[in-house]
Amino acid sequence: MRLPKIMGSLVLITAIILYAAPVVSQDQSTAQVTIINFAFDPGTVTIARGDTVSWTNQDSTVHTVKFGSDESSAFRKGQSYSRTFNDAGTFDYVCGIHPGMKGKVIVT
C-alpha cells in the first residue's frame, strides 16, 4: 500500500518547509505624524525598534523630513514619507525646506 508512505512523505516535507520558513514579526507598527500649519503633529513620537514612522503632508506647500544629512524627497499635500527605525535612540529631525519645523523620534 503506497498511500500511507506518500502521506508520511508529505507530512515530512511540510514540516521541513514550515521549519525553514522565516519568522515574520507581527509586532511592527506605524506611528503617524501629520504635517500641518508648518509643524509636525505630534512633535515627538516614541516607537519600538523595527517600527515605522509615516509623515503625511496636509500643508499647501511642499516639505521634507531631514535627519542630519539624510533627507526625504519633497512631498506635496496628501503625499507621505515613511522611515523604519532599526536602532534604539533619539533622532531629531527638521523639514529641510523650513528648518524651523522640528520633530523627534524616540526609539526604545
N, C-alpha and C. Protein backbone atom coordinates (compact mmCIF):
# COMPACT_ATOMS: atom_id res chain seq x y z
N MET A 1 0.83 -1.17 0.00
CA MET A 1 0.00 0.00 0.00
C MET A 1 0.88 1.24 0.00
N ARG A 2 0.76 2.10 -1.02
CA ARG A 2 1.65 3.24 -1.17
C ARG A 2 1.09 4.52 -0.55
N LEU A 3 -0.18 4.60 -0.32
CA LEU A 3 -0.80 5.82 0.18
C LEU A 3 -0.21 6.27 1.52
N PRO A 4 -0.08 5.40 2.50
CA PRO A 4 0.49 5.86 3.77
C PRO A 4 1.92 6.37 3.63
N LYS A 5 2.73 5.73 2.77
CA LYS A 5 4.11 6.18 2.58
C LYS A 5 4.13 7.56 1.96
N ILE A 6 3.25 7.82 0.99
CA ILE A 6 3.17 9.13 0.35
C ILE A 6 2.73 10.18 1.37
N MET A 7 1.71 9.86 2.16
CA MET A 7 1.22 10.80 3.17
C MET A 7 2.32 11.12 4.18
N GLY A 8 3.07 10.11 4.58
CA GLY A 8 4.17 10.34 5.52
C GLY A 8 5.22 11.26 4.93
N SER A 9 5.51 11.07 3.64
CA SER A 9 6.48 11.94 2.96
C SER A 9 5.98 13.37 2.88
N LEU A 10 4.69 13.54 2.59
CA LEU A 10 4.11 14.89 2.51
C LEU A 10 4.15 15.58 3.85
N VAL A 11 3.88 14.85 4.91
CA VAL A 11 3.94 15.43 6.25
C VAL A 11 5.37 15.87 6.56
N LEU A 12 6.34 15.04 6.22
CA LEU A 12 7.73 15.36 6.47
C LEU A 12 8.16 16.59 5.66
N ILE A 13 7.80 16.65 4.40
CA ILE A 13 8.16 17.79 3.55
C ILE A 13 7.51 19.07 4.09
N THR A 14 6.24 19.00 4.48
CA THR A 14 5.55 20.16 5.04
C THR A 14 6.25 20.64 6.31
N ALA A 15 6.64 19.71 7.16
CA ALA A 15 7.32 20.07 8.41
C ALA A 15 8.65 20.75 8.11
N ILE A 16 9.39 20.26 7.13
CA ILE A 16 10.67 20.88 6.77
C ILE A 16 10.46 22.28 6.24
N ILE A 17 9.45 22.48 5.39
CA ILE A 17 9.17 23.80 4.83
C ILE A 17 8.79 24.78 5.94
N LEU A 18 7.92 24.36 6.84
CA LEU A 18 7.50 25.24 7.92
C LEU A 18 8.65 25.59 8.85
N TYR A 19 9.52 24.62 9.11
CA TYR A 19 10.67 24.86 9.98
C TYR A 19 11.65 25.83 9.34
N ALA A 20 11.83 25.72 8.04
CA ALA A 20 12.81 26.54 7.34
C ALA A 20 12.27 27.92 6.96
N ALA A 21 10.96 28.12 7.03
CA ALA A 21 10.38 29.41 6.63
C ALA A 21 10.80 30.48 7.62
N PRO A 22 11.08 31.68 7.12
CA PRO A 22 11.45 32.78 8.03
C PRO A 22 10.27 33.17 8.90
N VAL A 23 10.59 33.62 10.10
CA VAL A 23 9.57 34.08 11.02
C VAL A 23 9.32 35.55 10.72
N VAL A 24 8.07 35.92 10.50
CA VAL A 24 7.71 37.29 10.24
C VAL A 24 7.07 37.85 11.49
N SER A 25 7.63 38.94 11.99
CA SER A 25 7.09 39.56 13.18
C SER A 25 5.80 40.29 12.85
N GLN A 26 4.80 40.07 13.66
CA GLN A 26 3.54 40.76 13.51
C GLN A 26 3.47 41.96 14.45
N ASP A 27 4.57 42.25 15.14
CA ASP A 27 4.57 43.29 16.15
C ASP A 27 4.92 44.67 15.60
N GLN A 28 5.30 44.76 14.35
CA GLN A 28 5.65 46.06 13.79
C GLN A 28 4.42 46.95 13.74
N SER A 29 4.64 48.23 13.99
CA SER A 29 3.55 49.17 13.87
C SER A 29 4.06 50.45 13.23
N THR A 30 3.14 51.30 12.89
CA THR A 30 3.47 52.56 12.24
C THR A 30 2.90 53.71 13.04
N ALA A 31 3.76 54.66 13.41
CA ALA A 31 3.32 55.88 14.07
C ALA A 31 3.04 56.91 12.98
N GLN A 32 1.98 57.67 13.16
CA GLN A 32 1.56 58.66 12.18
C GLN A 32 1.92 60.06 12.65
N VAL A 33 2.54 60.85 11.77
CA VAL A 33 2.81 62.26 12.04
C VAL A 33 2.17 63.05 10.90
N THR A 34 1.40 64.06 11.26
CA THR A 34 0.78 64.93 10.27
C THR A 34 1.58 66.23 10.19
N ILE A 35 1.82 66.68 8.98
CA ILE A 35 2.45 67.99 8.78
C ILE A 35 1.34 68.97 8.46
N ILE A 36 1.12 69.92 9.37
CA ILE A 36 0.05 70.89 9.19
C ILE A 36 0.42 72.21 9.86
N ASN A 37 0.10 73.31 9.19
CA ASN A 37 0.42 74.65 9.71
C ASN A 37 1.92 74.79 10.02
N PHE A 38 2.75 74.26 9.13
CA PHE A 38 4.20 74.33 9.25
C PHE A 38 4.69 73.74 10.57
N ALA A 39 4.10 72.60 10.96
CA ALA A 39 4.52 71.91 12.18
C ALA A 39 4.31 70.42 12.01
N PHE A 40 5.10 69.64 12.77
CA PHE A 40 4.93 68.19 12.84
C PHE A 40 4.01 67.89 14.02
N ASP A 41 2.94 67.13 13.79
CA ASP A 41 1.98 66.84 14.84
C ASP A 41 1.72 65.35 14.92
N PRO A 42 2.13 64.67 16.00
CA PRO A 42 2.78 65.21 17.17
C PRO A 42 4.25 65.53 16.91
N GLY A 43 4.81 66.39 17.73
CA GLY A 43 6.20 66.80 17.56
C GLY A 43 7.18 65.72 17.98
N THR A 44 6.78 64.85 18.88
CA THR A 44 7.61 63.74 19.35
C THR A 44 6.80 62.46 19.31
N VAL A 45 7.39 61.42 18.72
CA VAL A 45 6.77 60.09 18.75
C VAL A 45 7.74 59.11 19.38
N THR A 46 7.20 58.16 20.12
CA THR A 46 8.00 57.10 20.73
C THR A 46 7.55 55.78 20.14
N ILE A 47 8.52 55.03 19.61
CA ILE A 47 8.24 53.77 18.95
C ILE A 47 9.23 52.71 19.44
N ALA A 48 8.99 51.48 19.08
CA ALA A 48 9.92 50.39 19.36
C ALA A 48 10.84 50.17 18.16
N ARG A 49 11.99 49.56 18.41
CA ARG A 49 12.89 49.22 17.30
C ARG A 49 12.14 48.39 16.28
N GLY A 50 12.37 48.70 14.99
CA GLY A 50 11.72 47.98 13.92
C GLY A 50 10.41 48.60 13.48
N ASP A 51 9.91 49.58 14.24
CA ASP A 51 8.67 50.25 13.86
C ASP A 51 8.95 51.33 12.82
N THR A 52 7.88 51.82 12.23
CA THR A 52 7.95 52.80 11.15
C THR A 52 7.21 54.06 11.56
N VAL A 53 7.73 55.19 11.10
CA VAL A 53 7.02 56.46 11.25
C VAL A 53 6.63 56.91 9.85
N SER A 54 5.40 57.36 9.71
CA SER A 54 4.90 57.86 8.43
C SER A 54 4.46 59.31 8.62
N TRP A 55 5.02 60.19 7.80
CA TRP A 55 4.68 61.61 7.81
C TRP A 55 3.75 61.88 6.63
N THR A 56 2.63 62.53 6.87
CA THR A 56 1.69 62.88 5.80
C THR A 56 1.56 64.40 5.77
N ASN A 57 1.80 64.97 4.59
CA ASN A 57 1.74 66.42 4.42
C ASN A 57 0.30 66.87 4.20
N GLN A 58 -0.18 67.74 5.08
CA GLN A 58 -1.50 68.33 4.93
C GLN A 58 -1.41 69.85 4.71
N ASP A 59 -0.21 70.35 4.48
CA ASP A 59 0.00 71.77 4.17
C ASP A 59 -0.11 71.98 2.66
N SER A 60 -0.33 73.22 2.27
CA SER A 60 -0.45 73.53 0.85
C SER A 60 0.91 73.71 0.18
N THR A 61 1.99 73.60 0.93
CA THR A 61 3.34 73.72 0.38
C THR A 61 4.10 72.41 0.57
N VAL A 62 5.19 72.24 -0.14
CA VAL A 62 5.98 71.01 -0.01
C VAL A 62 6.83 71.04 1.24
N HIS A 63 7.14 69.86 1.74
CA HIS A 63 8.00 69.69 2.91
C HIS A 63 8.90 68.49 2.69
N THR A 64 9.93 68.38 3.52
CA THR A 64 10.78 67.19 3.57
C THR A 64 10.92 66.77 5.03
N VAL A 65 11.51 65.61 5.24
CA VAL A 65 11.87 65.14 6.57
C VAL A 65 13.37 64.89 6.51
N LYS A 66 14.12 65.59 7.37
CA LYS A 66 15.59 65.54 7.28
C LYS A 66 16.19 65.16 8.64
N PHE A 67 16.95 64.05 8.62
CA PHE A 67 17.71 63.57 9.77
C PHE A 67 19.18 63.79 9.44
N GLY A 68 19.82 64.82 9.98
CA GLY A 68 21.21 65.09 9.65
C GLY A 68 21.35 65.33 8.16
N SER A 69 22.16 64.51 7.50
CA SER A 69 22.35 64.67 6.05
C SER A 69 21.41 63.79 5.23
N ASP A 70 20.59 62.99 5.91
CA ASP A 70 19.64 62.09 5.23
C ASP A 70 18.29 62.79 5.12
N GLU A 71 17.88 63.11 3.89
CA GLU A 71 16.66 63.88 3.68
C GLU A 71 15.74 63.18 2.68
N SER A 72 14.46 63.21 2.97
CA SER A 72 13.47 62.66 2.04
C SER A 72 13.36 63.57 0.83
N SER A 73 12.72 63.08 -0.20
CA SER A 73 12.34 63.94 -1.32
C SER A 73 11.24 64.86 -0.83
N ALA A 74 11.08 65.98 -1.51
CA ALA A 74 9.98 66.89 -1.18
C ALA A 74 8.66 66.21 -1.50
N PHE A 75 7.69 66.36 -0.61
CA PHE A 75 6.38 65.78 -0.88
C PHE A 75 5.28 66.81 -0.63
N ARG A 76 4.26 66.73 -1.47
CA ARG A 76 3.16 67.71 -1.51
C ARG A 76 2.00 67.30 -0.61
N LYS A 77 1.02 68.17 -0.55
CA LYS A 77 -0.19 67.92 0.23
C LYS A 77 -0.81 66.58 -0.20
N GLY A 78 -1.12 65.76 0.80
CA GLY A 78 -1.71 64.46 0.54
C GLY A 78 -0.70 63.35 0.35
N GLN A 79 0.57 63.69 0.16
CA GLN A 79 1.61 62.67 -0.01
C GLN A 79 2.26 62.34 1.34
N SER A 80 2.88 61.17 1.39
CA SER A 80 3.50 60.69 2.63
C SER A 80 4.92 60.23 2.39
N TYR A 81 5.67 60.19 3.47
CA TYR A 81 7.03 59.65 3.51
C TYR A 81 7.11 58.76 4.74
N SER A 82 7.73 57.59 4.64
CA SER A 82 7.87 56.68 5.77
C SER A 82 9.32 56.27 5.96
N ARG A 83 9.66 55.99 7.22
CA ARG A 83 11.01 55.54 7.54
C ARG A 83 10.91 54.53 8.69
N THR A 84 11.63 53.42 8.56
CA THR A 84 11.68 52.39 9.59
C THR A 84 12.94 52.60 10.42
N PHE A 85 12.80 52.46 11.74
CA PHE A 85 13.91 52.69 12.66
C PHE A 85 14.32 51.36 13.29
N ASN A 86 15.53 50.92 12.99
CA ASN A 86 16.01 49.63 13.49
C ASN A 86 16.97 49.76 14.66
N ASP A 87 17.35 50.97 15.01
CA ASP A 87 18.27 51.19 16.12
C ASP A 87 17.60 52.03 17.19
N ALA A 88 17.87 51.70 18.45
CA ALA A 88 17.34 52.48 19.55
C ALA A 88 18.07 53.82 19.64
N GLY A 89 17.39 54.82 20.13
CA GLY A 89 18.00 56.13 20.30
C GLY A 89 16.99 57.24 20.11
N THR A 90 17.49 58.46 20.17
CA THR A 90 16.67 59.65 19.95
C THR A 90 17.13 60.30 18.66
N PHE A 91 16.19 60.53 17.75
CA PHE A 91 16.50 61.03 16.43
C PHE A 91 15.74 62.34 16.19
N ASP A 92 16.49 63.45 16.22
CA ASP A 92 15.91 64.76 15.94
C ASP A 92 15.85 64.96 14.44
N TYR A 93 14.80 65.64 13.97
CA TYR A 93 14.68 65.90 12.55
C TYR A 93 14.06 67.28 12.32
N VAL A 94 14.19 67.76 11.11
CA VAL A 94 13.62 69.03 10.69
C VAL A 94 13.04 68.88 9.30
N CYS A 95 12.32 69.88 8.87
CA CYS A 95 11.98 69.98 7.45
C CYS A 95 13.18 70.65 6.79
N GLY A 96 13.72 70.04 5.78
CA GLY A 96 14.90 70.59 5.11
C GLY A 96 14.63 71.90 4.40
N ILE A 97 13.37 72.16 4.07
CA ILE A 97 12.99 73.41 3.39
C ILE A 97 12.67 74.49 4.41
N HIS A 98 12.10 74.08 5.54
CA HIS A 98 11.69 75.01 6.61
C HIS A 98 12.32 74.54 7.92
N PRO A 99 13.61 74.83 8.16
CA PRO A 99 14.32 74.26 9.31
C PRO A 99 13.77 74.66 10.67
N GLY A 100 12.84 75.60 10.71
CA GLY A 100 12.19 75.93 11.98
C GLY A 100 11.20 74.86 12.41
N MET A 101 10.83 74.00 11.48
CA MET A 101 9.94 72.87 11.80
C MET A 101 10.80 71.75 12.36
N LYS A 102 10.56 71.38 13.62
CA LYS A 102 11.39 70.37 14.27
C LYS A 102 10.53 69.27 14.86
N GLY A 103 11.12 68.07 14.88
CA GLY A 103 10.45 66.93 15.48
C GLY A 103 11.45 65.96 16.06
N LYS A 104 10.95 64.93 16.72
CA LYS A 104 11.83 63.95 17.38
C LYS A 104 11.18 62.58 17.33
N VAL A 105 12.00 61.57 17.04
CA VAL A 105 11.58 60.17 17.13
C VAL A 105 12.42 59.52 18.20
N ILE A 106 11.75 58.93 19.20
CA ILE A 106 12.43 58.20 20.26
C ILE A 106 12.17 56.72 20.01
N VAL A 107 13.26 55.96 19.85
CA VAL A 107 13.15 54.52 19.57
C VAL A 107 13.65 53.76 20.78
N THR A 108 12.77 52.93 21.36
CA THR A 108 13.13 52.19 22.57
C THR A 108 13.59 50.78 22.23
